[in-house]
Protein backbone atom coordinates (compact mmCIF):
# COMPACT_ATOMS: atom_id res chain seq x y z
CA MET A 1 12.83 -6.88 14.77
CA LYS A 2 10.05 -9.65 15.69
CA ILE A 3 8.22 -11.56 12.56
CA ASP A 4 5.26 -13.80 13.58
CA SER A 5 3.87 -16.24 10.29
CA LYS A 6 0.79 -18.04 9.94
CA ALA A 7 -0.50 -20.71 7.73
CA LEU A 8 -4.07 -19.72 6.30
CA PRO A 9 -6.31 -22.12 4.41
CA VAL A 10 -6.50 -22.45 1.10
CA ALA A 11 -7.93 -20.05 -1.17
CA ASP A 12 -9.18 -19.58 -4.56
CA ALA A 13 -7.23 -17.64 -6.35
CA PHE A 14 -8.26 -16.14 -10.08
CA ASN A 15 -6.30 -15.08 -13.59
CA ILE A 16 -8.42 -12.16 -15.88
CA ILE A 17 -7.22 -11.73 -18.99
CA GLY A 18 -8.37 -9.28 -21.57
CA GLU A 19 -8.07 -9.15 -25.07
CA ILE A 20 -8.69 -7.18 -28.01
CA LYS A 21 -9.01 -9.21 -30.95
CA GLY A 22 -6.82 -8.33 -34.22
CA VAL A 23 -8.24 -7.88 -37.82
CA GLU A 24 -4.86 -9.30 -39.96
CA LYS A 25 -3.78 -11.98 -37.49
CA PRO A 26 -5.99 -14.00 -35.96
CA ASN A 27 -3.28 -16.56 -34.60
CA GLU A 28 -0.49 -14.04 -33.48
CA TYR A 29 -0.89 -12.12 -30.50
CA VAL A 30 0.97 -9.55 -28.57
CA ILE A 31 1.04 -9.99 -24.34
CA LEU A 32 0.99 -7.39 -21.96
CA SER A 33 2.13 -8.24 -18.02
CA ALA A 34 2.50 -7.04 -14.86
CA HIS A 35 4.55 -8.19 -11.95
CA PHE A 36 2.79 -9.79 -9.24
CA ASP A 37 4.52 -11.01 -6.71
CA SER A 38 2.74 -10.22 -3.09
CA TRP A 39 0.56 -12.75 -0.88
CA ASP A 40 -1.38 -12.25 2.09
CA GLY A 41 0.25 -10.67 4.90
CA ALA A 42 2.79 -9.50 2.43
CA THR A 43 3.03 -5.03 2.25
CA GLY A 44 2.92 -5.55 -1.89
CA ALA A 45 0.16 -3.61 -2.25
CA THR A 46 1.23 -1.04 -4.61
CA ASP A 47 3.16 -3.15 -6.49
CA ASN A 48 0.33 -5.06 -7.70
CA GLY A 49 -1.85 -2.07 -7.97
CA THR A 50 0.80 0.25 -10.31
CA GLY A 51 1.08 -3.03 -12.08
CA THR A 52 -3.12 -3.95 -12.36
CA LEU A 53 -3.44 -0.11 -13.46
CA THR A 54 -0.64 -0.36 -15.82
CA MET A 55 -2.22 -3.38 -17.85
CA MET A 56 -5.90 -1.29 -17.77
CA GLU A 57 -4.80 2.31 -18.77
CA ALA A 58 -2.94 0.02 -21.74
CA MET A 59 -5.75 -1.97 -23.23
CA ARG A 60 -7.85 0.98 -22.53
CA ILE A 61 -5.96 2.96 -24.98
CA LEU A 62 -4.79 0.62 -27.19
CA LYS A 63 -9.02 -0.21 -27.81
CA LYS A 64 -8.96 2.62 -29.20
CA TYR A 65 -7.14 1.75 -32.81
CA THR A 66 -8.11 -1.04 -35.16
CA LEU A 67 -5.13 -4.02 -34.47
CA THR A 68 -3.43 -6.03 -36.70
CA LEU A 69 -2.43 -8.81 -33.91
CA ASN A 70 -4.38 -9.83 -31.17
CA VAL A 71 -3.43 -7.73 -27.56
CA GLN A 72 -4.12 -9.84 -24.56
CA SER A 73 -3.63 -8.48 -21.11
CA LEU A 74 -2.79 -11.42 -18.00
């Protein structure tokens, strides 16, 4: 097996935080987080994609309910 690597220029990266506000305890949170571990040139697209989609689906379902606590998806 031959593996080549190269240094790439610095690129901007962003975090996205989804939030559903709770109605009773504004200072308390439930945090949902996905596993994200690939980088440029790696084969982690499935790993990252499934974690991201799981968080989006969880938030889509939870927004239908009136929640006591805040929920954040990171």
